[in-house]
Protein backbone atom coordinates (compact mmCIF):
# COMPACT_ATOMS: atom_id res chain seq x y z
CA MET A 1 44.37 14.90 -15.63
CA PRO A 2 42.55 16.98 -18.39
CA THR A 3 41.97 20.60 -18.04
CA PHE A 4 38.20 22.04 -18.05
CA GLY A 5 37.08 25.26 -18.66
CA TYR A 6 33.72 26.08 -16.93
CA VAL A 7 31.10 28.73 -17.00
CA VAL A 8 28.82 28.99 -13.56
CA LYS A 9 26.27 31.17 -11.47
CA ASP A 10 26.56 31.95 -8.11
CA LYS A 11 23.70 32.23 -5.70
CA LEU A 12 23.43 35.89 -6.44
CA GLY A 13 23.33 35.18 -10.14
CA LYS A 14 26.65 36.31 -11.19
CA THR A 15 28.45 34.59 -13.98
CA HIS A 16 31.82 33.19 -13.19
CA THR A 17 34.34 31.40 -16.05
CA GLY A 18 37.36 29.48 -15.16
CA THR A 19 39.41 26.40 -16.02
CA LEU A 20 40.04 23.38 -13.34
CA ASP A 21 42.20 20.16 -13.44
CA ALA A 22 39.96 17.35 -12.63
CA GLU A 23 39.92 13.56 -13.27
CA SER A 24 36.63 13.79 -15.39
CA ARG A 25 33.83 15.92 -15.93
CA ASN A 26 31.38 14.58 -13.50
CA THR A 27 33.94 15.08 -10.71
CA LEU A 28 34.43 18.57 -11.68
CA ILE A 29 30.48 19.20 -11.53
CA GLU A 30 30.48 17.52 -8.22
CA GLN A 31 33.50 19.90 -7.25
CA LEU A 32 31.32 22.84 -8.58
CA TRP A 33 28.08 22.06 -6.77
CA ARG A 34 29.61 21.51 -3.32
CA ARG A 35 30.75 25.04 -3.67
CA GLU A 36 26.98 26.05 -4.55
CA PHE A 37 27.48 26.58 -8.01
CA VAL A 38 24.96 26.06 -11.14
CA VAL A 39 26.86 24.56 -13.41
CA LEU A 40 26.11 26.09 -17.00
CA SER A 41 28.40 24.75 -19.35
CA ILE A 42 31.93 22.37 -19.24
CA GLU A 43 34.34 22.14 -22.14
CA GLU A 44 37.62 19.95 -21.96
CA ARG A 45 40.39 22.25 -23.03
CA GLY A 46 43.54 20.07 -22.49
CA HIS A 47 45.33 17.04 -20.91
CA GLY A 48 48.13 15.43 -19.59
CA ALA A 49 51.60 17.36 -20.67
CA PHE A 50 50.02 19.55 -23.32
CA ALA A 51 47.71 21.05 -20.66
CA VAL A 52 50.52 23.40 -19.51
CA LEU A 53 50.79 24.79 -23.01
CA LYS A 54 47.70 26.81 -22.78
CA VAL A 55 48.47 30.27 -22.69
CA GLY A 56 47.17 32.43 -19.54
CA GLN A 57 47.40 29.25 -17.64
CA SER A 58 50.85 29.78 -15.94
CA HIS A 59 51.17 29.45 -12.21
CA VAL A 60 52.06 32.62 -10.10
CA LYS A 61 55.73 32.51 -8.94
CA SER A 62 56.32 31.69 -5.26
CA GLU A 63 57.90 34.70 -4.39
CA GLN A 64 54.86 36.80 -5.55
CA LEU A 65 52.82 34.49 -3.21
CA VAL A 66 55.18 34.93 -0.16
CA ILE A 67 55.15 38.76 -0.95
CA PHE A 68 51.37 38.68 -0.93
CA SER A 69 50.85 36.51 1.66
CA ARG A 70 53.32 38.65 4.22
CA GLN A 71 51.60 42.04 2.97
CA LEU A 72 47.96 41.15 3.05
CA ALA A 73 48.97 39.30 6.83
CA THR A 74 50.37 43.01 7.97
CA MET A 75 46.70 44.64 6.20
CA VAL A 76 44.60 42.36 8.31
CA ASP A 77 46.33 42.70 11.32
CA SER A 78 46.43 46.79 10.75
CA GLY A 79 42.41 46.20 10.42
CA ILE A 80 42.16 47.19 7.30
CA PRO A 81 39.26 45.70 5.57
CA ILE A 82 40.14 42.58 2.93
CA ALA A 83 38.76 43.73 -0.25
CA GLN A 84 40.65 47.30 0.38
CA ALA A 85 43.74 45.25 0.94
CA LEU A 86 43.48 43.50 -2.01
CA ASP A 87 43.10 47.13 -4.17
CA VAL A 88 46.18 48.31 -2.82
CA LEU A 89 48.17 44.77 -3.36
CA GLY A 90 46.49 44.57 -6.37
CA ASP A 91 48.52 47.79 -7.63
CA GLN A 92 51.74 46.49 -6.51
CA MET A 93 52.12 43.25 -7.95
CA GLU A 94 54.90 43.24 -10.74
CA ASP A 95 53.15 39.88 -11.99
CA ARG A 96 50.43 41.27 -14.44
CA THR A 97 48.79 37.95 -14.66
CA PHE A 98 48.51 37.89 -10.58
CA ARG A 99 47.89 41.69 -10.87
CA GLN A 100 44.09 40.81 -12.66
CA ILE A 101 43.61 37.96 -10.59
CA LEU A 102 43.60 39.97 -7.30
CA LYS A 103 41.42 42.38 -8.91
CA LYS A 104 38.85 39.79 -9.88
CA VAL A 105 39.33 37.91 -6.04
CA ARG A 106 38.49 41.52 -4.75
CA GLY A 107 35.51 41.69 -7.02
CA ASP A 108 34.02 38.43 -5.53
CA ILE A 109 34.89 39.45 -2.07
CA GLU A 110 32.57 42.50 -2.78
CA ALA A 111 29.84 40.54 -4.19
CA GLY A 112 29.81 38.60 -0.59
CA SER A 113 32.23 35.88 -0.91
CA SER A 114 34.40 35.01 1.56
CA LEU A 115 38.15 35.29 0.93
CA SER A 116 38.93 31.73 0.61
CA GLU A 117 36.09 31.07 -1.89
CA ALA A 118 37.14 33.91 -4.08
CA ILE A 119 40.74 32.54 -4.16
CA GLY A 120 39.58 29.04 -4.77
CA ARG A 121 37.91 30.07 -8.29
CA HIS A 122 41.68 30.56 -9.25
CA PRO A 123 43.95 27.03 -8.98
CA ARG A 124 46.53 28.18 -10.97
CA ALA A 125 47.43 30.73 -8.73
CA PHE A 126 46.35 29.60 -5.51
CA SER A 127 47.02 25.74 -4.51
CA HIS A 128 44.44 23.96 -2.83
CA PHE A 129 46.85 24.37 0.24
CA PHE A 130 46.86 27.87 0.05
CA VAL A 131 43.08 28.05 0.09
CA ASN A 132 42.37 25.60 3.12
CA MET A 133 44.99 27.40 4.99
CA VAL A 134 42.92 30.69 4.51
CA ARG A 135 39.82 28.41 5.18
CA ALA A 136 41.11 27.68 8.43
CA GLY A 137 42.70 31.38 9.47
CA GLU A 138 38.90 32.52 8.33
CA SER A 139 37.22 30.16 10.72
CA SER A 140 39.62 30.30 13.87
CA GLY A 141 39.90 34.19 13.71
CA ARG A 142 43.51 34.11 12.76
CA LEU A 143 43.71 35.01 9.14
CA ASP A 144 46.76 37.30 9.65
CA GLU A 145 48.74 34.58 11.68
CA ILE A 146 47.78 31.96 9.32
CA LEU A 147 48.80 33.90 6.10
CA ASP A 148 52.43 34.44 7.65
CA ARG A 149 52.31 30.77 8.31
CA VAL A 150 51.57 30.22 4.81
CA ALA A 151 54.08 32.61 3.50
CA ALA A 152 56.88 30.93 5.73
CA TYR A 153 56.01 27.70 4.23
CA ILE A 154 56.07 28.77 0.79
CA GLU A 155 59.80 30.12 1.69
CA LYS A 156 60.88 27.08 3.22
CA VAL A 157 59.49 24.81 0.24
CA SER A 158 61.00 27.09 -2.37
CA VAL A 159 64.41 27.20 -1.09
CA LEU A 160 64.57 23.17 -0.88
CA GLN A 161 63.39 22.93 -4.75
CA ARG A 162 65.96 25.67 -5.75
CA LYS A 163 68.85 23.50 -4.09
CA VAL A 164 67.53 20.37 -5.44
CA ARG A 165 67.31 22.07 -9.07
CA ALA A 166 70.84 23.83 -8.21
CA SER A 167 72.54 20.27 -7.90
CA LEU A 168 70.72 18.47 -10.71
CA PHE A 169 71.60 21.34 -13.08
CA TYR A 170 75.34 21.43 -13.42
CA PRO A 171 75.70 17.76 -14.04
CA ALA A 172 72.97 17.98 -16.58
CA PHE A 173 73.80 21.07 -18.35
CA VAL A 174 77.63 19.57 -18.34
CA THR A 175 75.67 16.32 -20.09
CA VAL A 176 74.11 17.87 -22.83
CA LEU A 177 77.47 19.93 -23.75
CA ALA A 178 79.48 16.79 -23.70
CA ILE A 179 77.00 14.85 -26.20
CA GLY A 180 77.08 18.34 -28.47
CA ILE A 181 81.11 18.81 -28.35
CA THR A 182 81.08 14.97 -29.41
CA THR A 183 78.41 14.78 -31.90
CA PHE A 184 80.07 18.14 -33.59
CA LEU A 185 83.75 16.44 -33.84
CA LEU A 186 82.18 13.14 -34.89
CA VAL A 187 79.91 14.79 -37.34
CA VAL A 188 82.24 17.90 -38.42
CA ILE A 189 86.12 17.02 -37.25
CA VAL A 190 86.51 13.55 -37.89
CA PRO A 191 85.26 13.12 -41.70
CA LYS A 192 88.17 15.72 -42.27
CA PHE A 193 90.95 13.51 -40.85
CA LYS A 194 89.39 10.49 -42.94
CA GLU A 195 90.57 12.42 -46.10
CA ILE A 196 93.90 12.77 -44.47
CA PHE A 197 94.01 9.38 -43.55
CA LEU A 198 93.17 8.11 -46.83
CA ALA A 199 95.50 9.87 -48.74
CA LEU A 200 98.47 8.32 -46.59
CA GLY A 201 96.92 4.78 -47.14
CA GLY A 202 98.07 1.90 -45.14
CA GLU A 203 96.12 -0.07 -42.31
CA LEU A 204 95.06 2.39 -39.60
CA PRO A 205 95.04 1.54 -35.90
CA VAL A 206 91.68 -0.39 -34.68
CA PRO A 207 90.84 2.57 -32.50
CA THR A 208 90.80 4.87 -35.31
CA GLN A 209 89.22 2.30 -37.43
CA LEU A 210 86.51 2.16 -34.94
CA LEU A 211 86.01 5.74 -34.39
CA LEU A 212 85.90 6.62 -38.24
CA GLY A 213 82.98 4.15 -38.60
CA LEU A 214 81.10 5.24 -35.81
CA SER A 215 82.03 8.93 -37.35
CA GLU A 216 80.11 7.95 -40.85
CA PHE A 217 77.35 5.95 -39.25
CA ILE A 218 76.00 9.26 -37.09
CA GLY A 219 76.56 11.22 -40.18
CA LYS A 220 74.83 8.95 -42.72
CA TYR A 221 71.87 8.71 -40.23
CA LEU A 222 72.05 11.84 -38.55
CA ALA A 223 68.10 12.88 -39.73
CA TYR A 224 66.95 9.53 -38.90
CA GLU A 225 68.38 9.65 -35.12
CA VAL A 226 67.06 12.77 -34.50
CA LEU A 227 64.03 11.98 -35.69
CA ALA A 228 63.90 8.75 -33.44
CA CYS A 229 65.24 10.84 -30.26
CA LEU A 230 62.03 13.17 -30.73
CA ALA A 231 59.99 10.14 -31.00
CA LEU A 232 61.09 8.96 -28.20
CA VAL A 233 61.25 11.73 -25.86
CA ILE A 234 57.39 12.67 -27.14
CA GLY A 235 56.14 9.12 -26.71
CA ALA A 236 58.18 9.30 -23.00
CA ARG A 237 56.31 12.35 -22.24
CA LEU A 238 53.04 10.73 -23.45
CA TYR A 239 53.12 7.81 -21.20
CA ILE A 240 54.28 9.53 -18.33
CA GLY A 241 51.00 11.72 -18.49
CA THR A 242 49.28 8.41 -18.04
CA PRO A 243 48.58 7.63 -14.67
CA THR A 244 50.39 3.66 -15.08
CA GLY A 245 53.32 5.76 -16.80
CA ARG A 246 53.35 8.51 -13.90
CA LEU A 247 53.26 5.87 -11.12
CA TRP A 248 56.23 3.81 -12.80
CA CYS A 249 58.63 6.98 -13.24
CA ASP A 250 58.14 8.14 -9.80
CA ARG A 251 58.38 4.59 -8.77
CA LEU A 252 61.86 4.21 -10.79
CA THR A 253 63.04 7.96 -9.89
CA LEU A 254 63.36 6.63 -6.30
CA ARG A 255 65.38 3.51 -7.01
CA VAL A 256 67.98 5.56 -9.22
CA PRO A 257 71.69 5.47 -7.41
CA VAL A 258 72.45 8.75 -5.20
CA ILE A 259 69.52 10.86 -7.02
CA GLY A 260 66.46 8.50 -5.60
CA LYS A 261 67.71 8.76 -2.10
CA LEU A 262 68.13 12.95 -2.20
CA LEU A 263 64.92 12.94 -3.53
CA GLN A 264 63.24 10.46 -1.07
CA LYS A 265 64.16 13.08 1.57
CA VAL A 266 62.82 16.03 -0.42
CA PHE A 267 59.61 14.37 -0.69
CA ILE A 268 59.60 13.46 3.32
CA ALA A 269 60.63 16.71 3.89
CA ARG A 270 57.91 18.29 1.97
CA PHE A 271 55.44 15.80 3.39
CA ALA A 272 56.35 16.59 6.89
CA ARG A 273 56.64 19.95 6.32
CA THR A 274 53.00 20.51 4.56
CA LEU A 275 51.16 18.10 7.04
CA ALA A 276 52.65 20.02 10.27
CA THR A 277 51.73 23.58 8.75
CA LEU A 278 48.29 22.10 8.10
CA VAL A 279 47.50 20.53 11.77
CA LYS A 280 49.30 23.55 13.40
CA SER A 281 46.30 25.72 11.53
CA GLY A 282 43.58 23.63 12.45
CA VAL A 283 42.79 21.98 9.18
CA PRO A 284 41.12 18.94 9.93
CA ILE A 285 43.34 15.81 9.46
CA LEU A 286 41.77 14.02 6.50
CA THR A 287 41.47 17.33 4.72
CA ALA A 288 45.37 17.91 5.42
CA LEU A 289 46.00 14.17 4.45
CA GLU A 290 44.36 15.19 0.87
CA ILE A 291 46.37 18.28 0.52
CA VAL A 292 49.26 16.65 1.55
CA ALA A 293 48.82 13.79 -1.12
CA LYS A 294 47.92 16.52 -3.82
CA THR A 295 51.06 18.19 -3.28
CA ALA A 296 53.27 15.33 -2.83
CA GLY A 297 54.94 15.40 -5.99
CA ASN A 298 55.65 11.57 -6.83
CA LYS A 299 52.83 9.11 -6.76
CA VAL A 300 54.49 6.90 -4.93
CA VAL A 301 54.26 9.16 -1.98
CA GLU A 302 50.73 10.13 -2.52
CA GLY A 303 49.38 6.87 -2.70
CA ALA A 304 51.07 6.29 0.72
CA VAL A 305 49.47 9.33 2.39
CA LEU A 306 45.96 8.34 0.65
CA ALA A 307 46.34 5.05 2.19
CA ALA A 308 47.11 6.61 5.86
CA ARG A 309 44.22 8.80 5.34
CA ALA A 310 41.80 5.88 4.54
CA SER A 311 43.16 4.28 7.74
CA ILE A 312 41.90 7.12 10.16
CA LYS A 313 38.84 6.92 8.36
CA GLU A 314 38.71 3.36 9.76
CA GLY A 315 39.89 4.44 13.10
CA GLU A 316 42.94 3.40 12.52
CA ASN A 317 46.76 5.18 12.99
CA ILE A 318 48.69 7.28 10.14
CA ALA A 319 51.88 5.56 11.08
CA SER A 320 51.35 1.88 10.08
CA PRO A 321 50.18 2.64 6.29
CA LEU A 322 53.01 5.09 5.99
CA ALA A 323 55.51 2.00 6.97
CA LEU A 324 54.16 -0.41 4.64
CA SER A 325 54.96 1.84 2.08
CA GLN A 326 58.63 1.32 2.11
CA VAL A 327 59.16 5.39 1.64
CA PHE A 328 58.93 6.34 4.76
CA PRO A 329 62.18 5.07 7.00
CA THR A 330 61.40 3.77 10.39
CA MET A 331 62.32 6.32 12.32
CA VAL A 332 60.01 8.91 10.19
CA THR A 333 57.07 6.40 10.90
CA ARG A 334 58.22 6.04 14.78
CA MET A 335 58.09 9.68 15.36
CA ILE A 336 54.81 9.94 14.01
CA SER A 337 53.50 7.20 15.88
CA VAL A 338 54.99 8.86 19.18
CA GLY A 339 53.29 12.13 18.13
CA GLU A 340 49.76 10.28 17.42
CA LYS A 341 50.00 9.41 20.70
CA THR A 342 51.17 11.87 22.73
CA GLY A 343 48.69 14.41 20.82
CA GLU A 344 52.20 16.49 19.82
CA LEU A 345 52.04 15.29 16.05
CA GLU A 346 52.51 19.01 14.49
CA LYS A 347 55.76 19.21 16.87
CA MET A 348 57.18 15.54 15.77
CA LEU A 349 56.29 16.29 11.79
CA THR A 350 58.01 19.82 12.27
CA LYS A 351 61.34 18.07 13.67
CA ILE A 352 60.97 15.68 10.96
CA ALA A 353 61.08 18.04 8.31
CA ASP A 354 63.63 20.03 10.28
CA PHE A 355 65.72 17.06 10.18
CA TYR A 356 65.52 15.91 6.37
CA GLU A 357 65.81 19.43 5.01
CA ASN A 358 69.44 19.76 6.78
CA GLU A 359 69.81 16.36 5.44
CA VAL A 360 68.86 17.63 2.08
CA ASP A 361 71.35 20.31 2.42
CA ALA A 362 73.91 17.82 3.17
CA ALA A 363 73.01 15.65 0.25
CA VAL A 364 73.20 18.25 -2.41
CA THR A 365 76.55 19.51 -1.20
CA ALA A 366 78.01 15.80 -0.98
CA LEU A 367 76.31 15.26 -4.57
CA THR A 368 77.63 18.47 -5.87
CA SER A 369 81.15 17.80 -4.87
CA ILE A 370 81.11 14.04 -6.25
CA ILE A 371 79.30 15.00 -9.72
CA GLU A 372 81.60 17.92 -10.54
CA PRO A 373 84.82 15.47 -10.75
CA LEU A 374 83.09 12.66 -12.03
CA VAL A 375 81.32 14.71 -15.03
CA ILE A 376 84.99 16.70 -16.13
CA ALA A 377 86.57 12.88 -15.54
CA ILE A 378 84.07 11.52 -18.11
CA LEU A 379 84.46 13.98 -20.47
CA GLY A 380 88.09 14.28 -20.56
CA VAL A 381 87.93 10.46 -21.23
CA VAL A 382 85.35 10.61 -24.33
CA ILE A 383 87.22 13.91 -25.98
CA GLY A 384 90.25 12.34 -24.68
CA GLY A 385 89.60 8.83 -26.47
CA ILE A 386 88.65 10.70 -29.80
CA VAL A 387 91.53 13.27 -29.86
CA ILE A 388 94.21 9.93 -29.18
CA ALA A 389 92.21 8.00 -31.86
CA LEU A 390 92.51 10.32 -34.55
CA PHE A 391 96.30 11.03 -33.76
CA LEU A 392 97.57 7.63 -33.30
CA PRO A 393 97.91 7.13 -37.17
CA ILE A 394 100.18 10.20 -36.96
CA PHE A 395 102.07 8.92 -34.04
CA LYS A 396 102.42 5.74 -36.45
CA ILE A 397 103.83 7.48 -39.24
CA SER A 398 106.15 9.84 -37.21
CA THR A 399 107.83 6.41 -35.48
CA LEU A 400 108.54 5.05 -39.05
CA VAL A 401 109.85 8.17 -40.62
CA SER A 402 112.56 8.16 -37.53
CA HIS A 403 113.27 4.74 -38.38
């Protein structure tokens, strides 16, 4: 999705600048018009995977948002004006970028903007979910309660993400290490043994011949192999940056053995937790489903949620489109259906989120216990195979000498 820089004027004639991700220039103009801004200029800044490389556009860490939400909730509950609370919090934040954003938010509030409008101008720091939760808190008069709920939600989602990353980091690290060690052995060590074997003469065992041939091939075309790998990575990133490529990648990810099931549970837990939090906070269901789709993290799940939103618009239920997507298990869609019929959708979604977060915990533990010995075994077979192939001729010579 392209990133656009914009310059606008508000109702008071004050000029604002910023950046937003949008599907097109016209989509961004409509978004700005809905906020009652007069658009002065729009410029495309980046696109797809390369947009994240822009200086000054990094996301604020979730830990900082949790601290901000909890402390602002406490100050609002104590009767401290929001502008004054933001002034205090701005001085306390460790993140320099976030500190500057809070100063801008405070300035917008003093100029007459609401808190939701002010933070909505900084989408890199405050997500669509955060902005709509704050808007719901403002309209209901329970801003402090909503901010506490936002902090609890961010904490739960962050814990879930950290667990999944930790479970996938170890095998990825060991795999990269194994490739590095194997390449080093083939490029540096094996050629030295080749010189020894040539000096000794005689016919080499088949495994040793294959190993020497592989070593010679890798050493001879190493530069081309590195360039080919880089081209493959760049090409894959560019393709995944397109809507078709992203959908293909996300669909493939869900079909990967073991890992796919784990990620499916993560997406269901996030979907249920996000929707439950929004519904409980009084966000309209159509808006809530739109936010859930944007924060899904997977195009297949996003498509299912948007289909559910279209179903609601036509007066139907949420559960049926989710069941057709084949992403959500029958238990999930049945519980959502019961929640819709009984008026306890938020309660059912919370139960689903709790259940699948526990399932993720169990899956991560099982995955770690399976992958660790598996990776060590593969590493042992690869490196052990190289060592055996190298020493087979020496064993053969030793046998001949003894006879």
